[in-house]
Amino acid sequence: MTASARTDRWLADLRRTLESAASLAARGRAAYDADEALRLAFEALVTRVGELAKRLVAAGPARFSDGIWSLAARQRDFVAHHYDRIDHDALWLTVTNDFPRLAAAVALA
């Protein structure tokens, strides 16, 4: 697989993941607060999004230089390595505020 094809695949995976996140977030904050499975799903989404962001930045540092890409990677690292200290309010904001910004960046990539 060529580098370009790999990047395109990762962007497509990221688009689908962000769409899934938006669908889950559309359930609303009350559902998020009441459902531990939904909070765990958000953790998994942050991990997946951050991993894809890391791959894209490594594959094309100039193309993916906007700060939103490194922010996604850092959030992934925090969730993966400090899962016992996750602030669920901050996690909600990540998925509902930062992910739409990242989706806009994906659309431009």
C-alpha atoms as a PDB file:
ATOM      1  CA  MET A   1       0.000   0.000   0.000  1.00  0.00           C
ATOM      2  CA  THR A   2       1.331   3.422  -0.909  1.00  0.00           C
ATOM      3  CA  ALA A   3       1.824   6.153   1.674  1.00  0.00           C
ATOM      4  CA  SER A   4      -0.946   8.173   0.040  1.00  0.00           C
ATOM      5  CA  ALA A   5      -3.374   5.239   0.154  1.00  0.00           C
ATOM      6  CA  ARG A   6      -2.510   4.635   3.805  1.00  0.00           C
ATOM      7  CA  THR A   7      -3.122   8.286   4.660  1.00  0.00           C
ATOM      8  CA  ASP A   8      -6.442   8.200   2.794  1.00  0.00           C
ATOM      9  CA  ARG A   9      -7.464   5.072   4.721  1.00  0.00           C
ATOM     10  CA  TRP A  10      -6.567   6.669   8.048  1.00  0.00           C
ATOM     11  CA  LEU A  11      -8.505   9.818   7.155  1.00  0.00           C
ATOM     12  CA  ALA A  12     -11.532   7.700   6.231  1.00  0.00           C
ATOM     13  CA  ASP A  13     -11.238   5.785   9.517  1.00  0.00           C
ATOM     14  CA  LEU A  14     -10.993   9.073  11.393  1.00  0.00           C
ATOM     15  CA  ARG A  15     -14.054  10.478   9.593  1.00  0.00           C
ATOM     16  CA  ARG A  16     -16.112   7.405  10.521  1.00  0.00           C
ATOM     17  CA  THR A  17     -14.909   7.511  14.123  1.00  0.00           C
ATOM     18  CA  LEU A  18     -15.766  11.192  14.462  1.00  0.00           C
ATOM     19  CA  GLU A  19     -19.209  10.509  12.978  1.00  0.00           C
ATOM     20  CA  SER A  20     -19.742   7.751  15.555  1.00  0.00           C
ATOM     21  CA  ALA A  21     -18.686  10.131  18.304  1.00  0.00           C
ATOM     22  CA  ALA A  22     -21.129  12.781  17.084  1.00  0.00           C
ATOM     23  CA  SER A  23     -23.918  10.213  17.025  1.00  0.00           C
ATOM     24  CA  LEU A  24     -23.204   9.160  20.603  1.00  0.00           C
ATOM     25  CA  ALA A  25     -22.850  12.771  21.776  1.00  0.00           C
ATOM     26  CA  ALA A  26     -26.249  13.537  20.233  1.00  0.00           C
ATOM     27  CA  ARG A  27     -27.785  11.399  22.967  1.00  0.00           C
ATOM     28  CA  GLY A  28     -27.086  14.359  25.233  1.00  0.00           C
ATOM     29  CA  ARG A  29     -25.274  15.157  28.414  1.00  0.00           C
ATOM     30  CA  ALA A  30     -27.886  13.552  30.678  1.00  0.00           C
ATOM     31  CA  ALA A  31     -27.454  10.220  28.893  1.00  0.00           C
ATOM     32  CA  TYR A  32     -23.674  10.537  29.137  1.00  0.00           C
ATOM     33  CA  ASP A  33     -23.835  11.244  32.873  1.00  0.00           C
ATOM     34  CA  ALA A  34     -26.233   8.360  33.504  1.00  0.00           C
ATOM     35  CA  ASP A  35     -24.580   5.650  31.394  1.00  0.00           C
ATOM     36  CA  GLU A  36     -21.148   4.340  32.330  1.00  0.00           C
ATOM     37  CA  ALA A  37     -20.964   2.450  29.033  1.00  0.00           C
ATOM     38  CA  LEU A  38     -21.331   5.727  27.156  1.00  0.00           C
ATOM     39  CA  ARG A  39     -18.521   7.298  29.185  1.00  0.00           C
ATOM     40  CA  LEU A  40     -16.327   4.273  28.437  1.00  0.00           C
ATOM     41  CA  ALA A  41     -17.225   4.580  24.745  1.00  0.00           C
ATOM     42  CA  PHE A  42     -16.042   8.201  24.825  1.00  0.00           C
ATOM     43  CA  GLU A  43     -12.742   7.045  26.329  1.00  0.00           C
ATOM     44  CA  ALA A  44     -12.344   4.505  23.518  1.00  0.00           C
ATOM     45  CA  LEU A  45     -13.189   7.125  20.902  1.00  0.00           C
ATOM     46  CA  VAL A  46     -10.587   9.550  22.277  1.00  0.00           C
ATOM     47  CA  THR A  47      -8.020   6.748  22.152  1.00  0.00           C
ATOM     48  CA  ARG A  48      -8.859   5.804  18.562  1.00  0.00           C
ATOM     49  CA  VAL A  49      -9.009   9.410  17.344  1.00  0.00           C
ATOM     50  CA  GLY A  50      -5.684  10.219  18.992  1.00  0.00           C
ATOM     51  CA  GLU A  51      -3.992   7.163  17.548  1.00  0.00           C
ATOM     52  CA  LEU A  52      -5.163   8.054  14.050  1.00  0.00           C
ATOM     53  CA  ALA A  53      -4.050  11.653  14.560  1.00  0.00           C
ATOM     54  CA  LYS A  54      -0.587  10.437  15.586  1.00  0.00           C
ATOM     55  CA  ARG A  55      -0.303   8.288  12.466  1.00  0.00           C
ATOM     56  CA  LEU A  56      -1.377  11.141  10.215  1.00  0.00           C
ATOM     57  CA  VAL A  57       1.047  13.628  11.793  1.00  0.00           C
ATOM     58  CA  ALA A  58       3.892  11.123  11.449  1.00  0.00           C
ATOM     59  CA  ALA A  59       2.986  10.446   7.808  1.00  0.00           C
ATOM     60  CA  GLY A  60       2.637  14.117   6.834  1.00  0.00           C
ATOM     61  CA  PRO A  61       3.915  16.586   9.426  1.00  0.00           C
ATOM     62  CA  ALA A  62       3.460  19.595   7.132  1.00  0.00           C
ATOM     63  CA  ARG A  63      -0.029  18.546   6.034  1.00  0.00           C
ATOM     64  CA  PHE A  64      -1.195  17.858   9.597  1.00  0.00           C
ATOM     65  CA  SER A  65       0.569  20.679  11.418  1.00  0.00           C
ATOM     66  CA  ASP A  66      -2.499  22.405  12.884  1.00  0.00           C
ATOM     67  CA  GLY A  67      -2.526  22.220  16.673  1.00  0.00           C
ATOM     68  CA  ILE A  68      -5.776  20.233  16.728  1.00  0.00           C
ATOM     69  CA  TRP A  69      -3.851  17.159  15.526  1.00  0.00           C
ATOM     70  CA  SER A  70      -1.315  17.246  18.362  1.00  0.00           C
ATOM     71  CA  LEU A  71      -4.099  18.014  20.848  1.00  0.00           C
ATOM     72  CA  ALA A  72      -5.897  14.831  19.779  1.00  0.00           C
ATOM     73  CA  ALA A  73      -2.687  12.841  20.238  1.00  0.00           C
ATOM     74  CA  ARG A  74      -2.057  14.298  23.712  1.00  0.00           C
ATOM     75  CA  GLN A  75      -5.623  13.590  24.789  1.00  0.00           C
ATOM     76  CA  ARG A  76      -5.210  10.006  23.640  1.00  0.00           C
ATOM     77  CA  ASP A  77      -2.048   9.635  25.691  1.00  0.00           C
ATOM     78  CA  PHE A  78      -3.713  11.013  28.794  1.00  0.00           C
ATOM     79  CA  VAL A  79      -6.745   8.720  28.509  1.00  0.00           C
ATOM     80  CA  ALA A  80      -4.599   5.676  27.743  1.00  0.00           C
ATOM     81  CA  HIS A  81      -2.049   6.240  30.494  1.00  0.00           C
ATOM     82  CA  HIS A  82      -4.035   8.043  33.187  1.00  0.00           C
ATOM     83  CA  TYR A  83      -7.413   6.357  32.851  1.00  0.00           C
ATOM     84  CA  ASP A  84      -7.797   6.457  36.625  1.00  0.00           C
ATOM     85  CA  ARG A  85      -7.740  10.287  36.578  1.00  0.00           C
ATOM     86  CA  ILE A  86     -10.134  11.003  33.724  1.00  0.00           C
ATOM     87  CA  ASP A  87     -12.324  14.032  34.277  1.00  0.00           C
ATOM     88  CA  HIS A  88     -15.624  13.071  32.678  1.00  0.00           C
ATOM     89  CA  ASP A  89     -16.660  16.703  32.281  1.00  0.00           C
ATOM     90  CA  ALA A  90     -13.471  17.322  30.303  1.00  0.00           C
ATOM     91  CA  LEU A  91     -14.048  14.140  28.291  1.00  0.00           C
ATOM     92  CA  TRP A  92     -17.545  15.353  27.368  1.00  0.00           C
ATOM     93  CA  LEU A  93     -16.064  18.674  26.222  1.00  0.00           C
ATOM     94  CA  THR A  94     -13.406  16.900  24.191  1.00  0.00           C
ATOM     95  CA  VAL A  95     -15.966  14.897  22.244  1.00  0.00           C
ATOM     96  CA  THR A  96     -18.538  17.671  21.873  1.00  0.00           C
ATOM     97  CA  ASN A  97     -16.185  20.638  21.258  1.00  0.00           C
ATOM     98  CA  ASP A  98     -12.800  19.395  20.071  1.00  0.00           C
ATOM     99  CA  PHE A  99     -13.994  16.540  17.873  1.00  0.00           C
ATOM    100  CA  PRO A 100     -16.135  18.817  15.664  1.00  0.00           C
ATOM    101  CA  ARG A 101     -13.087  21.078  15.220  1.00  0.00           C
ATOM    102  CA  LEU A 102     -11.041  18.025  14.253  1.00  0.00           C
ATOM    103  CA  ALA A 103     -13.786  16.916  11.836  1.00  0.00           C
ATOM    104  CA  ALA A 104     -13.504  20.311  10.149  1.00  0.00           C
ATOM    105  CA  ALA A 105      -9.731  19.811   9.844  1.00  0.00           C
ATOM    106  CA  VAL A 106     -10.296  16.330   8.380  1.00  0.00           C
ATOM    107  CA  ALA A 107     -12.629  17.808   5.780  1.00  0.00           C
ATOM    108  CA  LEU A 108      -9.842  20.164   4.700  1.00  0.00           C
ATOM    109  CA  ALA A 109      -7.095  17.513   4.699  1.00  0.00           C
END
